[in-house]
Amino acid sequence: MATKIVSEIDSYSSSFHFKIGFFSILIFFLIISFYQSSENSNKEIKFKSIFNYVEGISVGTDVEMAGLKIGIVDKISLNQNNEVVVEGIIDPLIDIPDDSILLIRSNGIFGKKSLLIEPGFGDMIENESYLFTDTKDSYSIDMFLRYLGNLNE
């Protein structure tokens, strides 16, 4: 049986074997290049922002734009000036102008908080990391009551 298979393979011309090998290698390289291009398109845009007060924001908080979730917060820390540094990732398929404002939004008075990107009119972000320089802090009823208490003094 094995000799019959070998004799059938040998019955084809060497140019036929070359063509089959060439097309097999070509298909292999096309699959690899397609995989690498799709892998590169899935890179995330990392962002960083600085706030004074971020009550209600935690790791895992949604980042939204126009009501759609486009990212997530993945790190919160304090810097040397006791400001809160919020870092996260944004979907690279979303075009975000570089003069956008990042603010903390509340869903009602006691609702869930999220980060909201208010788009500007500048050029689109093209880097893999971006620092939001324009931010708006979150304020709670507790802070408002403290402020009113300080006004009475």
N, C-alpha and C. Protein backbone atom coordinates (compact mmCIF):
# COMPACT_ATOMS: atom_id res chain seq x y z
N MET A 1 0.82 -1.19 0.00
CA MET A 1 0.00 0.00 0.00
C MET A 1 0.87 1.26 0.00
N ALA A 2 1.91 1.28 0.87
CA ALA A 2 2.78 2.45 0.95
C ALA A 2 3.52 2.67 -0.36
N THR A 3 3.90 1.61 -1.02
CA THR A 3 4.62 1.76 -2.29
C THR A 3 3.70 2.33 -3.36
N LYS A 4 2.41 1.96 -3.28
CA LYS A 4 1.46 2.49 -4.24
C LYS A 4 1.29 4.01 -4.06
N ILE A 5 1.26 4.48 -2.79
CA ILE A 5 1.13 5.92 -2.51
C ILE A 5 2.37 6.65 -2.99
N VAL A 6 3.55 6.09 -2.72
CA VAL A 6 4.79 6.72 -3.15
C VAL A 6 4.85 6.78 -4.66
N SER A 7 4.42 5.72 -5.34
CA SER A 7 4.47 5.74 -6.81
C SER A 7 3.47 6.75 -7.37
N GLU A 8 2.30 6.96 -6.68
CA GLU A 8 1.36 7.97 -7.15
C GLU A 8 1.93 9.37 -6.97
N ILE A 9 2.60 9.60 -5.84
CA ILE A 9 3.21 10.92 -5.61
C ILE A 9 4.30 11.17 -6.63
N ASP A 10 5.09 10.14 -6.93
CA ASP A 10 6.17 10.30 -7.91
C ASP A 10 5.65 10.49 -9.32
N SER A 11 4.40 10.13 -9.57
CA SER A 11 3.86 10.26 -10.92
C SER A 11 3.60 11.72 -11.29
N TYR A 12 3.46 12.60 -10.29
CA TYR A 12 3.28 14.02 -10.57
C TYR A 12 4.63 14.65 -10.90
N SER A 13 4.60 15.68 -11.73
CA SER A 13 5.85 16.33 -12.13
C SER A 13 6.39 17.18 -10.97
N SER A 14 7.68 17.46 -11.02
CA SER A 14 8.29 18.24 -9.96
C SER A 14 7.77 19.69 -9.97
N SER A 15 7.34 20.22 -11.10
CA SER A 15 6.77 21.57 -11.13
C SER A 15 5.43 21.60 -10.38
N PHE A 16 4.66 20.52 -10.44
CA PHE A 16 3.41 20.44 -9.68
C PHE A 16 3.71 20.46 -8.18
N HIS A 17 4.72 19.71 -7.74
CA HIS A 17 5.12 19.71 -6.33
C HIS A 17 5.59 21.11 -5.90
N PHE A 18 6.33 21.79 -6.78
CA PHE A 18 6.79 23.14 -6.49
C PHE A 18 5.61 24.10 -6.31
N LYS A 19 4.63 24.01 -7.22
CA LYS A 19 3.45 24.88 -7.13
C LYS A 19 2.68 24.63 -5.84
N ILE A 20 2.48 23.40 -5.49
CA ILE A 20 1.75 23.07 -4.25
C ILE A 20 2.52 23.61 -3.04
N GLY A 21 3.82 23.41 -2.99
CA GLY A 21 4.63 23.92 -1.88
C GLY A 21 4.61 25.44 -1.82
N PHE A 22 4.72 26.10 -2.98
CA PHE A 22 4.72 27.55 -3.02
C PHE A 22 3.40 28.12 -2.51
N PHE A 23 2.28 27.58 -3.00
CA PHE A 23 0.97 28.08 -2.55
C PHE A 23 0.71 27.77 -1.08
N SER A 24 1.22 26.66 -0.58
CA SER A 24 1.06 26.34 0.84
C SER A 24 1.81 27.34 1.70
N ILE A 25 3.02 27.67 1.32
CA ILE A 25 3.82 28.65 2.07
C ILE A 25 3.18 30.03 1.96
N LEU A 26 2.67 30.39 0.78
CA LEU A 26 2.02 31.68 0.59
C LEU A 26 0.78 31.80 1.49
N ILE A 27 -0.03 30.79 1.54
CA ILE A 27 -1.22 30.80 2.40
C ILE A 27 -0.82 30.90 3.87
N PHE A 28 0.24 30.20 4.26
CA PHE A 28 0.73 30.26 5.64
C PHE A 28 1.13 31.69 6.01
N PHE A 29 1.87 32.38 5.14
CA PHE A 29 2.29 33.75 5.42
C PHE A 29 1.11 34.73 5.41
N LEU A 30 0.13 34.51 4.55
CA LEU A 30 -1.05 35.36 4.54
C LEU A 30 -1.84 35.23 5.85
N ILE A 31 -1.96 34.02 6.36
CA ILE A 31 -2.66 33.80 7.63
C ILE A 31 -1.92 34.48 8.76
N ILE A 32 -0.60 34.37 8.79
CA ILE A 32 0.19 35.01 9.85
C ILE A 32 0.10 36.53 9.76
N SER A 33 0.19 37.09 8.57
CA SER A 33 0.11 38.56 8.45
C SER A 33 -1.28 39.07 8.82
N PHE A 34 -2.33 38.33 8.47
CA PHE A 34 -3.69 38.73 8.86
C PHE A 34 -3.83 38.68 10.37
N TYR A 35 -3.29 37.66 11.01
CA TYR A 35 -3.36 37.54 12.47
C TYR A 35 -2.63 38.70 13.14
N GLN A 36 -1.45 39.06 12.64
CA GLN A 36 -0.68 40.15 13.25
C GLN A 36 -1.36 41.49 13.03
N SER A 37 -1.97 41.73 11.88
CA SER A 37 -2.65 43.00 11.65
C SER A 37 -3.89 43.12 12.53
N SER A 38 -4.61 42.03 12.75
CA SER A 38 -5.78 42.09 13.62
C SER A 38 -5.35 42.24 15.08
N GLU A 39 -4.20 41.71 15.43
CA GLU A 39 -3.68 41.86 16.79
C GLU A 39 -3.27 43.30 17.05
N ASN A 40 -2.68 43.97 16.06
CA ASN A 40 -2.27 45.36 16.21
C ASN A 40 -3.46 46.30 16.30
N SER A 41 -4.55 45.96 15.66
CA SER A 41 -5.71 46.85 15.69
C SER A 41 -6.44 46.78 17.03
N ASN A 42 -6.15 45.81 17.85
CA ASN A 42 -6.81 45.67 19.14
C ASN A 42 -6.04 46.34 20.27
N LYS A 43 -5.03 47.14 19.95
CA LYS A 43 -4.29 47.83 21.01
C LYS A 43 -5.20 48.85 21.69
N GLU A 44 -4.96 49.04 22.95
CA GLU A 44 -5.80 49.95 23.72
C GLU A 44 -5.10 51.29 23.87
N ILE A 45 -5.90 52.32 24.05
CA ILE A 45 -5.36 53.63 24.36
C ILE A 45 -5.41 53.78 25.88
N LYS A 46 -4.25 53.98 26.47
CA LYS A 46 -4.19 54.19 27.92
C LYS A 46 -4.33 55.68 28.19
N PHE A 47 -5.10 56.00 29.22
CA PHE A 47 -5.26 57.41 29.57
C PHE A 47 -4.93 57.62 31.03
N LYS A 48 -4.61 58.87 31.34
CA LYS A 48 -4.31 59.29 32.71
C LYS A 48 -4.96 60.65 32.90
N SER A 49 -5.48 60.88 34.10
CA SER A 49 -6.08 62.17 34.42
C SER A 49 -5.86 62.46 35.90
N ILE A 50 -5.93 63.72 36.26
CA ILE A 50 -5.70 64.14 37.65
C ILE A 50 -6.93 64.88 38.14
N PHE A 51 -7.44 64.42 39.28
CA PHE A 51 -8.62 65.03 39.91
C PHE A 51 -8.27 65.43 41.33
N ASN A 52 -9.07 66.31 41.90
CA ASN A 52 -8.92 66.65 43.32
C ASN A 52 -9.78 65.76 44.20
N TYR A 53 -10.92 65.31 43.67
CA TYR A 53 -11.88 64.56 44.46
C TYR A 53 -12.61 63.59 43.54
N VAL A 54 -12.62 62.29 43.88
CA VAL A 54 -13.22 61.28 43.00
C VAL A 54 -14.17 60.34 43.74
N GLU A 55 -14.99 60.87 44.61
CA GLU A 55 -15.91 60.00 45.35
C GLU A 55 -16.79 59.22 44.38
N GLY A 56 -16.89 57.91 44.61
CA GLY A 56 -17.73 57.05 43.79
C GLY A 56 -17.02 56.41 42.62
N ILE A 57 -15.79 56.80 42.34
CA ILE A 57 -15.01 56.21 41.25
C ILE A 57 -14.09 55.15 41.85
N SER A 58 -14.05 54.00 41.22
CA SER A 58 -13.17 52.92 41.69
C SER A 58 -12.65 52.15 40.48
N VAL A 59 -11.76 51.22 40.73
CA VAL A 59 -11.24 50.38 39.65
C VAL A 59 -12.42 49.60 39.07
N GLY A 60 -12.55 49.61 37.77
CA GLY A 60 -13.67 48.95 37.11
C GLY A 60 -14.79 49.89 36.71
N THR A 61 -14.69 51.17 37.09
CA THR A 61 -15.70 52.15 36.72
C THR A 61 -15.69 52.36 35.20
N ASP A 62 -16.86 52.52 34.62
CA ASP A 62 -16.98 52.70 33.17
C ASP A 62 -16.50 54.08 32.73
N VAL A 63 -15.93 54.13 31.54
CA VAL A 63 -15.61 55.38 30.86
C VAL A 63 -16.58 55.45 29.69
N GLU A 64 -17.34 56.54 29.62
CA GLU A 64 -18.39 56.66 28.60
C GLU A 64 -18.18 57.89 27.74
N MET A 65 -18.74 57.81 26.55
CA MET A 65 -18.80 58.96 25.66
C MET A 65 -20.10 58.85 24.89
N ALA A 66 -20.91 59.88 24.92
CA ALA A 66 -22.22 59.91 24.25
C ALA A 66 -23.11 58.77 24.74
N GLY A 67 -22.97 58.41 26.02
CA GLY A 67 -23.82 57.38 26.60
C GLY A 67 -23.38 55.95 26.35
N LEU A 68 -22.27 55.76 25.62
CA LEU A 68 -21.77 54.42 25.33
C LEU A 68 -20.51 54.13 26.11
N LYS A 69 -20.39 52.91 26.60
CA LYS A 69 -19.17 52.52 27.32
C LYS A 69 -18.05 52.31 26.32
N ILE A 70 -16.96 53.04 26.52
CA ILE A 70 -15.83 52.92 25.59
C ILE A 70 -14.54 52.56 26.31
N GLY A 71 -14.59 52.42 27.63
CA GLY A 71 -13.38 52.09 28.37
C GLY A 71 -13.69 51.77 29.81
N ILE A 72 -12.60 51.65 30.58
CA ILE A 72 -12.72 51.26 31.97
C ILE A 72 -11.54 51.82 32.77
N VAL A 73 -11.78 52.13 34.03
CA VAL A 73 -10.72 52.59 34.93
C VAL A 73 -9.99 51.37 35.46
N ASP A 74 -8.64 51.39 35.40
CA ASP A 74 -7.90 50.23 35.90
C ASP A 74 -6.91 50.55 37.02
N LYS A 75 -6.74 51.84 37.37
CA LYS A 75 -5.83 52.18 38.47
C LYS A 75 -6.18 53.55 39.02
N ILE A 76 -6.16 53.66 40.35
CA ILE A 76 -6.37 54.94 41.03
C ILE A 76 -5.30 55.07 42.10
N SER A 77 -4.62 56.22 42.13
CA SER A 77 -3.56 56.43 43.11
C SER A 77 -3.46 57.92 43.46
N LEU A 78 -2.66 58.21 44.47
CA LEU A 78 -2.40 59.59 44.87
C LEU A 78 -1.01 59.99 44.42
N ASN A 79 -0.85 61.25 43.98
CA ASN A 79 0.49 61.73 43.64
C ASN A 79 1.07 62.51 44.83
N GLN A 80 2.21 63.17 44.63
CA GLN A 80 2.89 63.88 45.71
C GLN A 80 2.09 65.08 46.21
N ASN A 81 1.24 65.65 45.38
CA ASN A 81 0.44 66.82 45.76
C ASN A 81 -0.91 66.43 46.35
N ASN A 82 -1.08 65.18 46.70
CA ASN A 82 -2.35 64.64 47.21
C ASN A 82 -3.50 64.82 46.23
N GLU A 83 -3.19 64.77 44.97
CA GLU A 83 -4.22 64.75 43.94
C GLU A 83 -4.44 63.31 43.52
N VAL A 84 -5.64 63.02 43.05
CA VAL A 84 -5.97 61.66 42.67
C VAL A 84 -5.65 61.45 41.20
N VAL A 85 -4.83 60.44 40.91
CA VAL A 85 -4.47 60.09 39.54
C VAL A 85 -5.31 58.89 39.13
N VAL A 86 -6.11 59.07 38.09
CA VAL A 86 -6.98 58.01 37.59
C VAL A 86 -6.43 57.56 36.24
N GLU A 87 -6.21 56.25 36.11
CA GLU A 87 -5.70 55.69 34.86
C GLU A 87 -6.66 54.63 34.36
N GLY A 88 -6.68 54.45 33.06
CA GLY A 88 -7.56 53.44 32.48
C GLY A 88 -7.26 53.20 31.02
N ILE A 89 -8.16 52.48 30.37
CA ILE A 89 -7.99 52.13 28.97
C ILE A 89 -9.25 52.51 28.20
N ILE A 90 -9.05 52.88 26.93
CA ILE A 90 -10.14 53.28 26.05
C ILE A 90 -10.02 52.46 24.76
N ASP A 91 -11.15 52.12 24.18
CA ASP A 91 -11.20 51.40 22.91
C ASP A 91 -10.53 52.23 21.82
N PRO A 92 -9.56 51.67 21.09
CA PRO A 92 -8.86 52.45 20.07
C PRO A 92 -9.70 52.73 18.82
N LEU A 93 -10.82 52.05 18.67
CA LEU A 93 -11.66 52.27 17.49
C LEU A 93 -12.51 53.53 17.61
N ILE A 94 -12.54 54.13 18.81
CA ILE A 94 -13.31 55.35 19.04
C ILE A 94 -12.40 56.55 18.82
N ASP A 95 -12.83 57.48 17.98
CA ASP A 95 -12.06 58.71 17.74
C ASP A 95 -12.38 59.72 18.83
N ILE A 96 -11.34 60.13 19.56
CA ILE A 96 -11.50 61.08 20.65
C ILE A 96 -10.62 62.29 20.36
N PRO A 97 -11.20 63.48 20.29
CA PRO A 97 -10.39 64.69 20.06
C PRO A 97 -9.45 64.95 21.24
N ASP A 98 -8.29 65.51 20.94
CA ASP A 98 -7.28 65.72 21.98
C ASP A 98 -7.60 66.88 22.92
N ASP A 99 -8.64 67.65 22.65
CA ASP A 99 -9.03 68.71 23.57
C ASP A 99 -10.31 68.35 24.34
N SER A 100 -10.57 67.06 24.48
CA SER A 100 -11.76 66.60 25.20
C SER A 100 -11.62 66.82 26.70
N ILE A 101 -12.75 66.88 27.37
CA ILE A 101 -12.79 67.06 28.83
C ILE A 101 -13.24 65.76 29.46
N LEU A 102 -12.56 65.34 30.51
CA LEU A 102 -12.93 64.14 31.25
C LEU A 102 -13.57 64.59 32.56
N LEU A 103 -14.81 64.18 32.78
CA LEU A 103 -15.49 64.59 34.00
C LEU A 103 -16.14 63.39 34.67
N ILE A 104 -16.40 63.56 35.96
CA ILE A 104 -17.06 62.51 36.73
C ILE A 104 -18.54 62.82 36.72
N ARG A 105 -19.31 61.85 36.25
CA ARG A 105 -20.74 62.03 36.07
C ARG A 105 -21.48 61.12 37.03
N SER A 106 -22.57 61.63 37.56
CA SER A 106 -23.41 60.86 38.47
C SER A 106 -24.75 60.61 37.80
N ASN A 107 -25.26 59.41 37.98
CA ASN A 107 -26.56 59.05 37.43
C ASN A 107 -27.62 59.40 38.46
N GLY A 108 -28.03 60.64 38.51
CA GLY A 108 -28.96 61.10 39.53
C GLY A 108 -28.21 61.54 40.77
N ILE A 109 -28.94 61.90 41.82
CA ILE A 109 -28.30 62.40 43.04
C ILE A 109 -27.50 61.31 43.73
N PHE A 110 -28.08 60.13 43.86
CA PHE A 110 -27.40 59.04 44.56
C PHE A 110 -26.98 57.93 43.61
N GLY A 111 -26.97 58.19 42.33
CA GLY A 111 -26.72 57.16 41.34
C GLY A 111 -25.27 56.76 41.20
N LYS A 112 -25.07 55.76 40.36
CA LYS A 112 -23.75 55.22 40.06
C LYS A 112 -22.92 56.28 39.33
N LYS A 113 -21.65 56.37 39.65
CA LYS A 113 -20.75 57.34 39.02
C LYS A 113 -20.00 56.68 37.87
N SER A 114 -19.65 57.50 36.90
CA SER A 114 -18.82 57.04 35.79
C SER A 114 -18.01 58.21 35.28
N LEU A 115 -17.00 57.91 34.49
CA LEU A 115 -16.22 58.97 33.84
C LEU A 115 -16.86 59.23 32.49
N LEU A 116 -17.00 60.50 32.15
CA LEU A 116 -17.62 60.88 30.89
C LEU A 116 -16.65 61.73 30.10
N ILE A 117 -16.48 61.40 28.85
CA ILE A 117 -15.63 62.19 27.96
C ILE A 117 -16.53 63.12 27.16
N GLU A 118 -16.33 64.42 27.34
CA GLU A 118 -17.02 65.41 26.52
C GLU A 118 -16.07 65.78 25.39
N PRO A 119 -16.38 65.36 24.17
CA PRO A 119 -15.45 65.59 23.06
C PRO A 119 -15.31 67.04 22.70
N GLY A 120 -14.10 67.39 22.30
CA GLY A 120 -13.82 68.74 21.83
C GLY A 120 -13.83 68.77 20.31
N PHE A 121 -13.06 69.70 19.75
CA PHE A 121 -13.04 69.87 18.30
C PHE A 121 -11.62 69.78 17.73
N GLY A 122 -10.66 69.31 18.52
CA GLY A 122 -9.27 69.26 18.07
C GLY A 122 -8.97 68.03 17.23
N ASP A 123 -7.68 67.79 17.04
CA ASP A 123 -7.23 66.61 16.30
C ASP A 123 -7.50 65.36 17.13
N MET A 124 -7.61 64.23 16.45
CA MET A 124 -7.89 62.97 17.13
C MET A 124 -6.65 62.44 17.84
N ILE A 125 -6.87 61.75 18.95
CA ILE A 125 -5.77 61.13 19.70
C ILE A 125 -5.18 60.01 18.86
N GLU A 126 -3.87 60.05 18.66
CA GLU A 126 -3.21 59.02 17.86
C GLU A 126 -2.18 58.24 18.66
N ASN A 127 -1.89 58.69 19.87
CA ASN A 127 -0.90 58.00 20.70
C ASN A 127 -1.53 56.82 21.41
N GLU A 128 -0.67 55.94 21.94
CA GLU A 128 -1.16 54.81 22.72
C GLU A 128 -1.40 55.19 24.16
N SER A 129 -1.01 56.42 24.55
CA SER A 129 -1.30 56.91 25.89
C SER A 129 -1.63 58.40 25.79
N TYR A 130 -2.51 58.85 26.67
CA TYR A 130 -2.97 60.23 26.60
C TYR A 130 -3.23 60.74 28.00
N LEU A 131 -2.88 62.02 28.25
CA LEU A 131 -3.14 62.68 29.53
C LEU A 131 -4.26 63.69 29.32
N PHE A 132 -5.40 63.46 30.01
CA PHE A 132 -6.48 64.44 29.98
C PHE A 132 -6.09 65.59 30.89
N THR A 133 -5.88 66.75 30.31
CA THR A 133 -5.49 67.92 31.11
C THR A 133 -6.70 68.67 31.63
N ASP A 134 -7.82 68.59 30.94
CA ASP A 134 -9.05 69.25 31.38
C ASP A 134 -9.94 68.21 32.06
N THR A 135 -10.15 68.39 33.36
CA THR A 135 -11.00 67.46 34.12
C THR A 135 -11.95 68.26 35.00
N LYS A 136 -13.06 67.62 35.37
CA LYS A 136 -14.00 68.21 36.31
C LYS A 136 -14.25 67.20 37.41
N ASP A 137 -14.12 67.66 38.67
CA ASP A 137 -14.24 66.78 39.82
C ASP A 137 -15.68 66.37 40.10
N SER A 138 -15.78 65.37 40.95
CA SER A 138 -17.07 64.90 41.43
C SER A 138 -17.39 65.59 42.75
N TYR A 139 -18.63 65.96 42.92
CA TYR A 139 -19.05 66.55 44.18
C TYR A 139 -20.24 65.79 44.71
N SER A 140 -20.27 65.63 46.02
CA SER A 140 -21.35 64.87 46.63
C SER A 140 -22.21 65.80 47.48
N ILE A 141 -23.32 65.27 47.94
CA ILE A 141 -24.19 66.04 48.83
C ILE A 141 -23.47 66.34 50.13
N ASP A 142 -22.64 65.41 50.59
CA ASP A 142 -21.87 65.63 51.82
C ASP A 142 -20.97 66.85 51.68
N MET A 143 -20.28 66.97 50.56
CA MET A 143 -19.41 68.13 50.35
C MET A 143 -20.24 69.41 50.25
N PHE A 144 -21.39 69.34 49.62
CA PHE A 144 -22.26 70.50 49.49
C PHE A 144 -22.74 70.96 50.87
N LEU A 145 -23.11 70.01 51.72
CA LEU A 145 -23.56 70.36 53.07
C LEU A 145 -22.43 70.95 53.90
N ARG A 146 -21.22 70.42 53.74
CA ARG A 146 -20.06 71.00 54.44
C ARG A 146 -19.81 72.42 53.97
N TYR A 147 -19.94 72.65 52.68
CA TYR A 147 -19.76 73.99 52.12
C TYR A 147 -20.79 74.95 52.70
N LEU A 148 -22.05 74.51 52.77
CA LEU A 148 -23.10 75.36 53.34
C LEU A 148 -22.86 75.62 54.81
N GLY A 149 -22.33 74.62 55.54
CA GLY A 149 -22.00 74.79 56.95
C GLY A 149 -20.90 75.81 57.15
N ASN A 150 -19.93 75.84 56.24
CA ASN A 150 -18.84 76.82 56.34
C ASN A 150 -19.32 78.22 56.02
N LEU A 151 -20.36 78.36 55.21
CA LEU A 151 -20.90 79.68 54.89
C LEU A 151 -21.59 80.31 56.11
N ASN A 152 -22.17 79.47 56.96
CA ASN A 152 -22.89 79.96 58.14
C ASN A 152 -21.93 80.41 59.26
N GLU A 153 -20.71 80.01 59.19
CA GLU A 153 -19.76 80.34 60.27
C GLU A 153 -19.18 81.71 60.13
